[in-house]
Structure formats: structure tokens, C-alpha cells
N, C-alpha and C. Protein backbone atom coordinates (compact mmCIF):
# COMPACT_ATOMS: atom_id res chain seq x y z
N MET A 1 -92.96 53.04 151.07
CA MET A 1 -92.35 54.29 150.68
C MET A 1 -93.16 55.43 151.29
N ALA A 2 -92.49 56.35 151.97
CA ALA A 2 -93.17 57.47 152.63
C ALA A 2 -93.58 58.52 151.61
N SER A 3 -94.74 59.12 151.84
CA SER A 3 -95.18 60.18 150.95
C SER A 3 -94.49 61.48 151.32
N ASN A 4 -94.35 62.37 150.34
CA ASN A 4 -93.70 63.64 150.56
C ASN A 4 -94.70 64.62 151.16
N PRO A 5 -94.42 65.18 152.34
CA PRO A 5 -95.38 66.06 153.00
C PRO A 5 -95.43 67.47 152.40
N LEU A 6 -94.54 67.80 151.49
CA LEU A 6 -94.48 69.15 150.95
C LEU A 6 -95.30 69.28 149.67
N SER A 7 -96.03 70.38 149.56
CA SER A 7 -96.75 70.66 148.32
C SER A 7 -95.73 71.09 147.26
N THR A 8 -96.18 71.18 146.03
CA THR A 8 -95.29 71.56 144.94
C THR A 8 -94.68 72.94 145.17
N GLU A 9 -95.48 73.88 145.68
CA GLU A 9 -94.98 75.22 145.95
C GLU A 9 -93.94 75.21 147.06
N ARG A 10 -94.21 74.43 148.10
CA ARG A 10 -93.25 74.33 149.21
C ARG A 10 -91.97 73.63 148.77
N GLN A 11 -92.09 72.63 147.89
CA GLN A 11 -90.90 71.97 147.36
C GLN A 11 -90.05 72.95 146.57
N ALA A 12 -90.70 73.79 145.76
CA ALA A 12 -89.97 74.78 144.97
C ALA A 12 -89.27 75.79 145.88
N GLU A 13 -89.94 76.24 146.92
CA GLU A 13 -89.34 77.18 147.86
C GLU A 13 -88.20 76.52 148.63
N TYR A 14 -88.38 75.27 149.03
CA TYR A 14 -87.31 74.52 149.73
C TYR A 14 -86.08 74.41 148.83
N TRP A 15 -86.28 74.07 147.57
CA TRP A 15 -85.15 73.93 146.67
C TRP A 15 -84.50 75.28 146.39
N ARG A 16 -85.31 76.34 146.29
CA ARG A 16 -84.75 77.67 146.06
C ARG A 16 -83.84 78.07 147.21
N ARG A 17 -84.29 77.85 148.44
CA ARG A 17 -83.48 78.21 149.61
C ARG A 17 -82.23 77.34 149.70
N THR A 18 -82.38 76.04 149.44
CA THR A 18 -81.23 75.13 149.48
C THR A 18 -80.23 75.48 148.38
N SER A 19 -80.74 75.77 147.21
CA SER A 19 -79.88 76.13 146.08
C SER A 19 -79.13 77.43 146.35
N THR A 20 -79.82 78.42 146.92
CA THR A 20 -79.16 79.68 147.26
C THR A 20 -78.03 79.46 148.25
N LEU A 21 -78.29 78.67 149.27
CA LEU A 21 -77.25 78.35 150.25
C LEU A 21 -76.07 77.66 149.58
N MET A 22 -76.37 76.72 148.70
CA MET A 22 -75.31 75.99 148.00
C MET A 22 -74.43 76.94 147.18
N TRP A 23 -75.03 77.89 146.46
CA TRP A 23 -74.26 78.82 145.63
C TRP A 23 -73.44 79.78 146.49
N ILE A 24 -73.97 80.18 147.63
CA ILE A 24 -73.20 81.05 148.54
C ILE A 24 -71.98 80.30 149.06
N ILE A 25 -72.18 79.06 149.50
CA ILE A 25 -71.07 78.25 150.00
C ILE A 25 -70.04 78.01 148.89
N LEU A 26 -70.51 77.72 147.70
CA LEU A 26 -69.60 77.49 146.57
C LEU A 26 -68.80 78.75 146.24
N GLY A 27 -69.45 79.90 146.28
CA GLY A 27 -68.74 81.16 146.03
C GLY A 27 -67.67 81.43 147.06
N LEU A 28 -67.99 81.22 148.33
CA LEU A 28 -67.00 81.41 149.39
C LEU A 28 -65.87 80.40 149.27
N TRP A 29 -66.21 79.17 148.93
CA TRP A 29 -65.17 78.15 148.73
C TRP A 29 -64.23 78.57 147.61
N PHE A 30 -64.79 79.05 146.49
CA PHE A 30 -63.97 79.50 145.37
C PHE A 30 -63.06 80.65 145.81
N PHE A 31 -63.62 81.60 146.55
CA PHE A 31 -62.83 82.74 147.01
C PHE A 31 -61.64 82.27 147.84
N PHE A 32 -61.88 81.41 148.84
CA PHE A 32 -60.79 80.97 149.71
C PHE A 32 -59.86 79.97 149.04
N SER A 33 -60.33 79.27 147.99
CA SER A 33 -59.49 78.31 147.30
C SER A 33 -58.57 78.95 146.27
N PHE A 34 -59.09 79.91 145.54
CA PHE A 34 -58.33 80.44 144.41
C PHE A 34 -58.01 81.92 144.55
N PHE A 35 -58.98 82.74 144.85
CA PHE A 35 -58.81 84.19 144.83
C PHE A 35 -57.75 84.64 145.82
N VAL A 36 -57.81 84.14 147.04
CA VAL A 36 -56.83 84.52 148.06
C VAL A 36 -55.43 84.09 147.63
N HIS A 37 -55.31 82.93 147.03
CA HIS A 37 -54.00 82.41 146.64
C HIS A 37 -53.43 83.17 145.44
N ILE A 38 -54.30 83.70 144.60
CA ILE A 38 -53.82 84.48 143.45
C ILE A 38 -53.07 85.72 143.94
N PHE A 39 -53.54 86.30 145.03
CA PHE A 39 -52.93 87.52 145.56
C PHE A 39 -52.01 87.26 146.74
N ALA A 40 -51.50 86.05 146.86
CA ALA A 40 -50.64 85.70 148.00
C ALA A 40 -49.36 86.53 148.00
N VAL A 41 -48.79 86.80 146.85
CA VAL A 41 -47.55 87.57 146.80
C VAL A 41 -47.79 88.99 147.31
N GLN A 42 -48.88 89.61 146.89
CA GLN A 42 -49.19 90.95 147.36
C GLN A 42 -49.52 90.95 148.86
N LEU A 43 -50.19 89.88 149.32
CA LEU A 43 -50.54 89.79 150.74
C LEU A 43 -49.32 89.58 151.62
N ASN A 44 -48.20 89.13 151.04
CA ASN A 44 -47.00 88.88 151.83
C ASN A 44 -46.39 90.17 152.37
N ASN A 45 -46.80 91.32 151.86
CA ASN A 45 -46.31 92.59 152.40
C ASN A 45 -46.86 92.87 153.79
N ILE A 46 -47.95 92.20 154.16
CA ILE A 46 -48.54 92.34 155.49
C ILE A 46 -48.03 91.19 156.36
N VAL A 47 -47.47 91.51 157.52
CA VAL A 47 -46.90 90.49 158.40
C VAL A 47 -47.73 90.42 159.69
N ILE A 48 -48.14 89.19 160.04
CA ILE A 48 -48.89 88.95 161.28
C ILE A 48 -48.16 87.88 162.08
N LEU A 49 -47.79 88.20 163.30
CA LEU A 49 -47.06 87.29 164.20
C LEU A 49 -45.80 86.73 163.54
N GLY A 50 -45.15 87.54 162.73
CA GLY A 50 -43.90 87.15 162.10
C GLY A 50 -44.05 86.35 160.81
N PHE A 51 -45.28 86.06 160.41
CA PHE A 51 -45.52 85.32 159.18
C PHE A 51 -46.17 86.23 158.16
N PRO A 52 -45.76 86.13 156.90
CA PRO A 52 -46.42 86.92 155.87
C PRO A 52 -47.87 86.47 155.71
N LEU A 53 -48.78 87.43 155.52
CA LEU A 53 -50.20 87.11 155.44
C LEU A 53 -50.51 86.16 154.29
N GLY A 54 -49.85 86.30 153.15
CA GLY A 54 -50.08 85.40 152.02
C GLY A 54 -49.78 83.95 152.38
N PHE A 55 -48.66 83.73 153.07
CA PHE A 55 -48.31 82.38 153.52
C PHE A 55 -49.34 81.87 154.51
N TYR A 56 -49.72 82.74 155.46
CA TYR A 56 -50.68 82.33 156.48
C TYR A 56 -52.02 81.95 155.86
N MET A 57 -52.52 82.78 154.93
CA MET A 57 -53.81 82.49 154.31
C MET A 57 -53.75 81.23 153.48
N ALA A 58 -52.63 80.99 152.78
CA ALA A 58 -52.50 79.78 151.96
C ALA A 58 -52.36 78.53 152.82
N ALA A 59 -51.58 78.64 153.90
CA ALA A 59 -51.30 77.45 154.71
C ALA A 59 -52.36 77.18 155.78
N GLN A 60 -52.87 78.22 156.40
CA GLN A 60 -53.78 78.01 157.52
C GLN A 60 -55.16 78.61 157.31
N GLY A 61 -55.21 79.82 156.82
CA GLY A 61 -56.46 80.54 156.70
C GLY A 61 -57.49 79.83 155.83
N SER A 62 -57.05 79.30 154.70
CA SER A 62 -57.98 78.60 153.81
C SER A 62 -58.53 77.35 154.48
N LEU A 63 -57.68 76.61 155.15
CA LEU A 63 -58.14 75.39 155.81
C LEU A 63 -59.14 75.70 156.92
N ILE A 64 -58.87 76.74 157.68
CA ILE A 64 -59.79 77.13 158.74
C ILE A 64 -61.12 77.56 158.13
N SER A 65 -61.06 78.32 157.04
CA SER A 65 -62.30 78.78 156.41
C SER A 65 -63.10 77.60 155.87
N PHE A 66 -62.45 76.55 155.36
CA PHE A 66 -63.17 75.38 154.85
C PHE A 66 -63.92 74.66 155.98
N VAL A 67 -63.28 74.54 157.12
CA VAL A 67 -63.93 73.89 158.26
C VAL A 67 -65.12 74.73 158.73
N VAL A 68 -64.93 76.04 158.81
CA VAL A 68 -66.04 76.93 159.20
C VAL A 68 -67.17 76.83 158.19
N LEU A 69 -66.84 76.80 156.90
CA LEU A 69 -67.87 76.67 155.86
C LEU A 69 -68.65 75.37 156.00
N CYS A 70 -67.98 74.28 156.33
CA CYS A 70 -68.66 72.99 156.50
C CYS A 70 -69.67 73.06 157.65
N PHE A 71 -69.25 73.61 158.79
CA PHE A 71 -70.16 73.70 159.93
C PHE A 71 -71.30 74.67 159.66
N TRP A 72 -70.99 75.81 159.01
CA TRP A 72 -72.02 76.78 158.70
C TRP A 72 -73.04 76.20 157.72
N ASN A 73 -72.56 75.47 156.72
CA ASN A 73 -73.45 74.84 155.75
C ASN A 73 -74.38 73.84 156.44
N ALA A 74 -73.83 73.01 157.30
CA ALA A 74 -74.64 72.01 158.00
C ALA A 74 -75.69 72.68 158.88
N SER A 75 -75.30 73.73 159.59
CA SER A 75 -76.22 74.44 160.47
C SER A 75 -77.32 75.14 159.67
N ALA A 76 -76.94 75.84 158.61
CA ALA A 76 -77.92 76.57 157.80
C ALA A 76 -78.88 75.61 157.10
N GLN A 77 -78.36 74.50 156.58
CA GLN A 77 -79.23 73.53 155.91
C GLN A 77 -80.18 72.88 156.91
N ASN A 78 -79.70 72.63 158.12
CA ASN A 78 -80.57 72.06 159.15
C ASN A 78 -81.71 73.02 159.49
N LYS A 79 -81.41 74.31 159.56
CA LYS A 79 -82.46 75.30 159.83
C LYS A 79 -83.50 75.30 158.71
N ILE A 80 -83.04 75.22 157.46
CA ILE A 80 -83.97 75.16 156.32
C ILE A 80 -84.81 73.89 156.41
N ASP A 81 -84.18 72.76 156.71
CA ASP A 81 -84.90 71.49 156.82
C ASP A 81 -85.96 71.55 157.92
N GLU A 82 -85.60 72.13 159.07
CA GLU A 82 -86.56 72.25 160.16
C GLU A 82 -87.73 73.16 159.79
N GLU A 83 -87.43 74.24 159.10
CA GLU A 83 -88.49 75.17 158.69
C GLU A 83 -89.50 74.51 157.77
N PHE A 84 -89.03 73.60 156.91
CA PHE A 84 -89.92 72.94 155.96
C PHE A 84 -90.41 71.58 156.45
N GLY A 85 -90.02 71.19 157.65
CA GLY A 85 -90.51 69.96 158.24
C GLY A 85 -89.92 68.69 157.65
N VAL A 86 -88.70 68.78 157.13
CA VAL A 86 -88.07 67.58 156.55
C VAL A 86 -86.76 67.25 157.26
N ALA A 87 -86.56 67.78 158.46
CA ALA A 87 -85.33 67.54 159.20
C ALA A 87 -85.27 66.10 159.70
N GLU A 88 -84.04 65.59 159.78
CA GLU A 88 -83.85 64.25 160.34
C GLU A 88 -83.90 64.36 161.85
N GLU A 89 -84.30 63.29 162.46
CA GLU A 89 -84.43 63.29 163.91
C GLU A 89 -83.16 62.94 164.58
């Protein structure tokens, strides 16, 4: 079993940064999952390329944002891992 190279203080800082990233991602996920859809009817007054914005955000925009969130989360977590020396090779 490998020993943990991080001191207790570094572990706490690593978890704080990881936890902050997690809550930011969760907040954005909640926004694109629920908040945008709650106002879909009001957003339908705005038309982009012939489609109402509410329809576009519900059908396409949320899915695109989820994919972007996944890649952003992976990239940001990798940067945190590299900074603390626990990145996978």
C-alpha cells in the first residue's frame, strides 16, 4: 500500500479546492437543469435562427452545457491534482 505524500494541511487544502470545484459544478448543473427550464416559456419570446430560445435551451443548450461542464470539471480537477502532486500519469 502506497503512503500518502500529502501532509494533513495539504490534504485539507486539496479537499477544500476539490470541494469548491464540486459545488461550483453542481450549482451550474442545477442552473442548466432546472432554472433555465423554469423560464422556458418567457424565453420563447426570443427567437434565434427561427427557434424559440426556451425550446433551444431545453433541447440543445442544456445538453451542450453538460458536456462543457464535464470537460471543464476534468480539466480543473486535473490542474488541482497536478498542483498537489497526486495526478495520475
